[in-house]
Amino acid sequence: MEELLVFDIWAPFAYFRKGATTTTSLTFAFMPRSSIEGLIGSFLGLESHDYPERLKDAKIALQIINKVCKMPFSMMHTHTDYWSEFGIYLRREPFESTKRKVFRAPVKIEVLSNPHYRIYFAHDELLRSLKEMLSKHETVFTPYLGSSSMIANFSYEGLCNYHPHAPDDLVSVSSLIPFFEKMPTVYAEPGMTYAIEQNIPIHLTNERTLTGTFSAVYSPSGNPIKVKGVQIQEVLLPGGRLAFVAFLPTKIPS
């Protein structure tokens, strides 16, 4: 059996911007793998040019704890190109026109309210270092969920053993279920809500280049999904409980 580190992360708000959106910036329904790598890098004190290379092959699974709740939010952006001239406008004459340049622009975005996730992490080199930081509730850089103003809290849940589970068995998977072209076989249950998120970033290089995208099946309520024909990992949680999770992809399959 191999070891898997488990921890929870939550915040009042989160914002994981979809790159294709323009006028109104939309958010993914959950934390993309690339953001999880950045979060783990913040715990360990890895610089932005360092963590993408060191975490690109890490085994990561994500479980939604709180129900997905999106809400619209308005904010004001300031044009930083005009800061050098800002003092001129503060010293203008009382009736001098300010219409020559617009310093601010209203922007509408979509944020996640009360997000809470459970992250499963395995890495040959960094697992022990991360365990030491989380178990002491310490971090090098401030953790946040998507935006630096959305500071997150976290809790260490334990170090667990895991092993691959037979893909032909029908199991209730607690995590996101990633796929590429062919959607996995999902067994729908009465009263359950299912959703699919597309074009989720796999990995961003240290030059901020996207290596590919994938899709995922999930329950917006955070309930386990019964699925068959997917590579699943069986995790022995503290207290003898079992959980079944699927690792997020590290690259596009050939």
Protein backbone atom coordinates (compact mmCIF):
# COMPACT_ATOMS: atom_id res chain seq x y z
CA MET A 1 0.00 0.00 0.00
CA GLU A 2 1.06 3.60 -0.62
CA GLU A 3 0.48 6.63 1.59
CA LEU A 4 -1.95 9.44 0.90
CA LEU A 5 -2.14 12.69 2.85
CA VAL A 6 -5.63 14.07 3.52
CA PHE A 7 -6.51 17.63 4.55
CA ASP A 8 -9.48 20.01 4.43
CA ILE A 9 -9.48 23.59 3.13
CA TRP A 10 -12.30 26.16 3.35
CA ALA A 11 -13.00 29.90 3.14
CA PRO A 12 -15.97 32.32 3.10
CA PHE A 13 -15.49 32.84 -0.64
CA ALA A 14 -13.51 31.40 -3.56
CA TYR A 15 -12.92 32.48 -7.14
CA PHE A 16 -11.41 30.19 -9.78
CA ARG A 17 -11.77 32.18 -12.98
CA LYS A 18 -12.70 30.50 -16.25
CA GLY A 19 -10.19 31.75 -18.78
CA ALA A 20 -12.64 31.96 -21.68
CA THR A 21 -14.97 34.43 -19.92
CA THR A 22 -14.72 38.15 -20.66
CA THR A 23 -17.39 40.71 -19.74
CA THR A 24 -18.61 38.75 -16.73
CA SER A 25 -15.87 36.58 -15.20
CA LEU A 26 -17.29 33.17 -14.28
CA THR A 27 -15.79 30.71 -11.83
CA PHE A 28 -15.31 26.95 -11.96
CA ALA A 29 -17.63 25.09 -9.61
CA PHE A 30 -14.66 23.75 -7.65
CA MET A 31 -10.91 24.12 -7.26
CA PRO A 32 -8.97 23.14 -10.43
CA ARG A 33 -5.86 20.97 -10.16
CA SER A 34 -3.61 23.91 -11.09
CA SER A 35 -4.98 25.90 -8.12
CA ILE A 36 -4.45 22.94 -5.78
CA GLU A 37 -0.80 22.80 -6.84
CA GLY A 38 -0.48 26.51 -6.03
CA LEU A 39 -2.14 25.98 -2.64
CA ILE A 40 0.25 23.16 -1.72
CA GLY A 41 3.13 25.32 -2.92
CA SER A 42 2.02 28.06 -0.50
CA PHE A 43 2.10 25.64 2.44
CA LEU A 44 5.63 24.51 1.57
CA GLY A 45 6.99 27.93 0.62
CA LEU A 46 7.60 27.04 -3.02
CA GLU A 47 7.98 30.01 -5.34
CA SER A 48 5.63 30.48 -8.31
CA HIS A 49 8.37 29.52 -10.76
CA ASP A 50 9.22 26.38 -8.75
CA TYR A 51 6.06 24.57 -7.65
CA PRO A 52 4.61 23.86 -11.15
CA GLU A 53 7.62 21.71 -12.05
CA ARG A 54 7.87 19.97 -8.70
CA LEU A 55 4.14 19.19 -8.41
CA LYS A 56 3.29 18.36 -12.02
CA ASP A 57 3.28 14.58 -11.34
CA ALA A 58 1.71 14.69 -7.87
CA LYS A 59 -1.30 12.45 -7.27
CA ILE A 60 -4.23 14.66 -6.31
CA ALA A 61 -7.94 14.02 -5.73
CA LEU A 62 -10.57 16.60 -4.75
CA GLN A 63 -13.77 16.05 -2.78
CA ILE A 64 -16.53 18.66 -2.47
CA ILE A 65 -17.73 18.94 1.15
CA ASN A 66 -20.12 21.92 1.08
CA LYS A 67 -22.81 22.30 -1.55
CA VAL A 68 -21.67 24.33 -4.57
CA CYS A 69 -23.17 27.80 -4.27
CA LYS A 70 -22.38 30.49 -6.85
CA MET A 71 -23.31 34.12 -6.36
CA PRO A 72 -22.84 37.28 -8.49
CA PHE A 73 -20.48 39.92 -7.20
CA SER A 74 -19.60 43.41 -8.42
CA MET A 75 -16.22 45.04 -7.96
CA MET A 76 -14.31 48.07 -9.23
CA HIS A 77 -11.05 47.79 -11.16
CA THR A 78 -8.59 50.67 -11.24
CA HIS A 79 -6.45 51.28 -14.32
CA THR A 80 -2.91 51.12 -12.99
CA ASP A 81 -1.52 52.81 -16.13
CA TYR A 82 -2.90 56.10 -14.79
CA TRP A 83 -1.45 55.97 -11.27
CA SER A 84 1.52 58.17 -12.27
CA GLU A 85 -0.91 60.90 -13.25
CA PHE A 86 -3.35 60.35 -10.40
CA GLY A 87 -1.84 63.16 -8.29
CA ILE A 88 -2.51 65.64 -11.09
CA TYR A 89 -6.24 64.92 -10.90
CA LEU A 90 -6.30 65.22 -7.13
CA ARG A 91 -4.88 68.75 -7.48
CA ARG A 92 -7.21 69.83 -10.29
CA GLU A 93 -9.27 73.01 -10.19
CA PRO A 94 -12.73 72.69 -8.56
CA PHE A 95 -14.63 72.70 -11.87
CA GLU A 96 -12.03 71.04 -14.05
CA SER A 97 -13.41 68.17 -16.14
CA THR A 98 -12.35 64.63 -15.21
CA LYS A 99 -13.76 63.01 -18.34
CA ARG A 100 -10.49 62.89 -20.20
CA LYS A 101 -9.51 59.59 -18.62
CA VAL A 102 -11.47 56.92 -16.78
CA PHE A 103 -9.59 55.60 -13.77
CA ARG A 104 -12.08 52.92 -12.72
CA ALA A 105 -14.20 50.30 -14.44
CA PRO A 106 -17.04 48.27 -12.84
CA VAL A 107 -16.63 44.51 -13.28
CA LYS A 108 -19.07 41.70 -12.59
CA ILE A 109 -17.71 38.38 -11.39
CA GLU A 110 -19.10 35.12 -10.05
CA VAL A 111 -17.80 33.76 -6.73
CA LEU A 112 -18.28 30.57 -4.71
CA SER A 113 -19.89 31.02 -1.30
CA ASN A 114 -18.64 28.97 1.69
CA PRO A 115 -16.56 26.48 -0.31
CA HIS A 116 -15.12 23.53 1.60
CA TYR A 117 -12.96 20.83 0.01
CA ARG A 118 -11.09 17.70 1.04
CA ILE A 119 -7.81 17.18 -0.79
CA TYR A 120 -6.00 13.86 -1.16
CA PHE A 121 -2.30 14.20 -1.97
CA ALA A 122 0.58 11.81 -2.68
CA HIS A 123 4.12 12.75 -3.67
CA ASP A 124 7.38 10.84 -3.18
CA GLU A 125 9.46 13.90 -2.33
CA LEU A 126 7.12 16.41 -0.66
CA LEU A 127 4.55 14.34 1.24
CA ARG A 128 6.46 14.27 4.55
CA SER A 129 7.23 17.98 4.44
CA LEU A 130 3.59 18.83 3.80
CA LYS A 131 2.45 16.50 6.59
CA GLU A 132 4.74 18.26 9.06
CA MET A 133 3.39 21.69 8.11
CA LEU A 134 -0.29 20.73 8.14
CA SER A 135 -0.15 18.69 11.35
CA LYS A 136 1.30 21.76 13.15
CA HIS A 137 -1.19 24.07 11.40
CA GLU A 138 1.69 26.03 9.89
CA THR A 139 2.24 27.51 6.46
CA VAL A 140 4.99 29.54 4.80
CA PHE A 141 2.78 31.68 2.55
CA THR A 142 -0.82 32.64 3.27
CA PRO A 143 -3.22 30.10 1.71
CA TYR A 144 -6.19 31.42 -0.25
CA LEU A 145 -8.81 30.09 -2.66
CA GLY A 146 -8.31 31.72 -6.04
CA SER A 147 -7.91 35.34 -4.96
CA SER A 148 -5.51 36.76 -2.37
CA SER A 149 -8.42 38.46 -0.59
CA MET A 150 -10.12 35.08 -0.03
CA ILE A 151 -7.89 33.75 2.76
CA ALA A 152 -8.52 30.11 3.65
CA ASN A 153 -8.35 27.98 6.79
CA PHE A 154 -7.33 24.33 6.82
CA SER A 155 -7.18 21.20 8.96
CA TYR A 156 -4.98 18.11 8.80
CA GLU A 157 -7.10 14.95 8.56
CA GLY A 158 -4.42 12.25 8.53
CA LEU A 159 -1.99 10.10 6.60
CA CYS A 160 -3.77 7.13 5.04
CA ASN A 161 -2.98 4.02 3.05
CA TYR A 162 -4.48 3.54 -0.40
CA HIS A 163 -4.39 1.08 -3.28
CA PRO A 164 -6.05 0.76 -6.71
CA HIS A 165 -9.57 -0.63 -6.77
CA ALA A 166 -10.93 -2.89 -9.50
CA PRO A 167 -12.40 -0.57 -12.20
CA ASP A 168 -15.13 -3.09 -13.07
CA ASP A 169 -16.72 -2.85 -9.62
CA LEU A 170 -19.58 -0.45 -8.91
CA VAL A 171 -18.45 1.91 -6.14
CA SER A 172 -19.57 5.20 -4.60
CA VAL A 173 -16.84 7.73 -5.41
CA SER A 174 -16.48 10.70 -3.07
CA SER A 175 -14.22 12.82 -5.28
CA LEU A 176 -14.54 14.42 -8.70
CA ILE A 177 -14.54 11.84 -11.49
CA PRO A 178 -12.34 13.12 -14.34
CA PHE A 179 -12.62 12.03 -17.96
CA PHE A 180 -11.53 13.13 -21.43
CA GLU A 181 -13.59 11.97 -24.42
CA LYS A 182 -15.78 9.15 -23.11
CA MET A 183 -17.93 9.92 -20.09
CA PRO A 184 -17.77 7.23 -17.36
CA THR A 185 -20.77 5.03 -16.63
CA VAL A 186 -22.71 6.76 -13.86
CA TYR A 187 -25.58 5.02 -12.08
CA ALA A 188 -28.17 7.71 -11.35
CA GLU A 189 -30.02 7.55 -8.05
CA PRO A 190 -33.39 9.14 -7.22
CA GLY A 191 -33.09 12.58 -5.64
CA MET A 192 -29.43 12.99 -6.62
CA THR A 193 -28.10 15.95 -8.59
CA TYR A 194 -25.32 15.44 -11.14
CA ALA A 195 -23.26 17.93 -13.12
CA ILE A 196 -20.40 18.05 -15.61
CA GLU A 197 -17.68 20.71 -15.68
CA GLN A 198 -15.65 21.08 -18.90
CA ASN A 199 -12.33 22.65 -19.91
CA ILE A 200 -10.79 22.32 -16.45
CA PRO A 201 -7.05 23.17 -16.44
CA ILE A 202 -4.78 20.19 -15.86
CA HIS A 203 -1.51 21.96 -15.18
CA LEU A 204 0.15 25.34 -15.71
CA THR A 205 3.88 25.36 -16.35
CA ASN A 206 6.24 27.80 -14.64
CA GLU A 207 5.79 29.96 -17.75
CA ARG A 208 1.99 29.95 -17.15
CA THR A 209 1.35 27.79 -20.21
CA LEU A 210 -1.68 25.50 -20.08
CA THR A 211 -0.77 21.85 -20.72
CA GLY A 212 -4.33 20.68 -21.36
CA THR A 213 -7.86 20.42 -20.04
CA PHE A 214 -10.23 17.69 -18.89
CA SER A 215 -13.86 17.25 -17.90
CA ALA A 216 -15.30 15.94 -14.64
CA VAL A 217 -18.53 14.48 -13.30
CA TYR A 218 -19.49 15.61 -9.80
CA SER A 219 -22.39 16.13 -7.44
CA PRO A 220 -23.01 19.84 -6.63
CA SER A 221 -24.30 18.68 -3.24
CA GLY A 222 -21.06 16.84 -2.49
CA ASN A 223 -22.68 13.42 -2.40
CA PRO A 224 -20.80 10.29 -3.54
CA ILE A 225 -21.52 9.16 -7.10
CA LYS A 226 -21.92 5.51 -8.06
CA VAL A 227 -19.69 4.82 -11.03
CA LYS A 228 -18.19 1.90 -12.90
CA GLY A 229 -15.32 1.52 -15.35
CA VAL A 230 -13.08 4.21 -13.87
CA GLN A 231 -9.64 3.88 -12.28
CA ILE A 232 -10.46 4.34 -8.59
CA GLN A 233 -8.32 4.38 -5.45
CA GLU A 234 -9.50 2.78 -2.21
CA VAL A 235 -8.45 4.90 0.78
CA LEU A 236 -8.42 3.64 4.37
CA LEU A 237 -9.34 6.73 6.40
CA PRO A 238 -8.65 7.21 10.14
CA GLY A 239 -11.08 5.16 12.21
CA GLY A 240 -11.22 2.37 9.65
CA ARG A 241 -13.59 4.13 7.25
CA LEU A 242 -13.22 3.55 3.50
CA ALA A 243 -13.36 6.19 0.79
CA PHE A 244 -13.09 5.82 -2.97
CA VAL A 245 -11.46 8.63 -4.93
CA ALA A 246 -10.20 9.28 -8.47
CA PHE A 247 -6.93 11.08 -9.10
CA LEU A 248 -7.05 14.15 -11.33
CA PRO A 249 -5.05 13.76 -14.57
CA THR A 250 -1.48 15.03 -14.82
CA LYS A 251 -1.43 15.12 -18.62
CA ILE A 252 -3.56 14.44 -21.69
CA PRO A 253 -3.46 10.72 -22.58
CA SER A 254 -1.80 9.80 -25.85
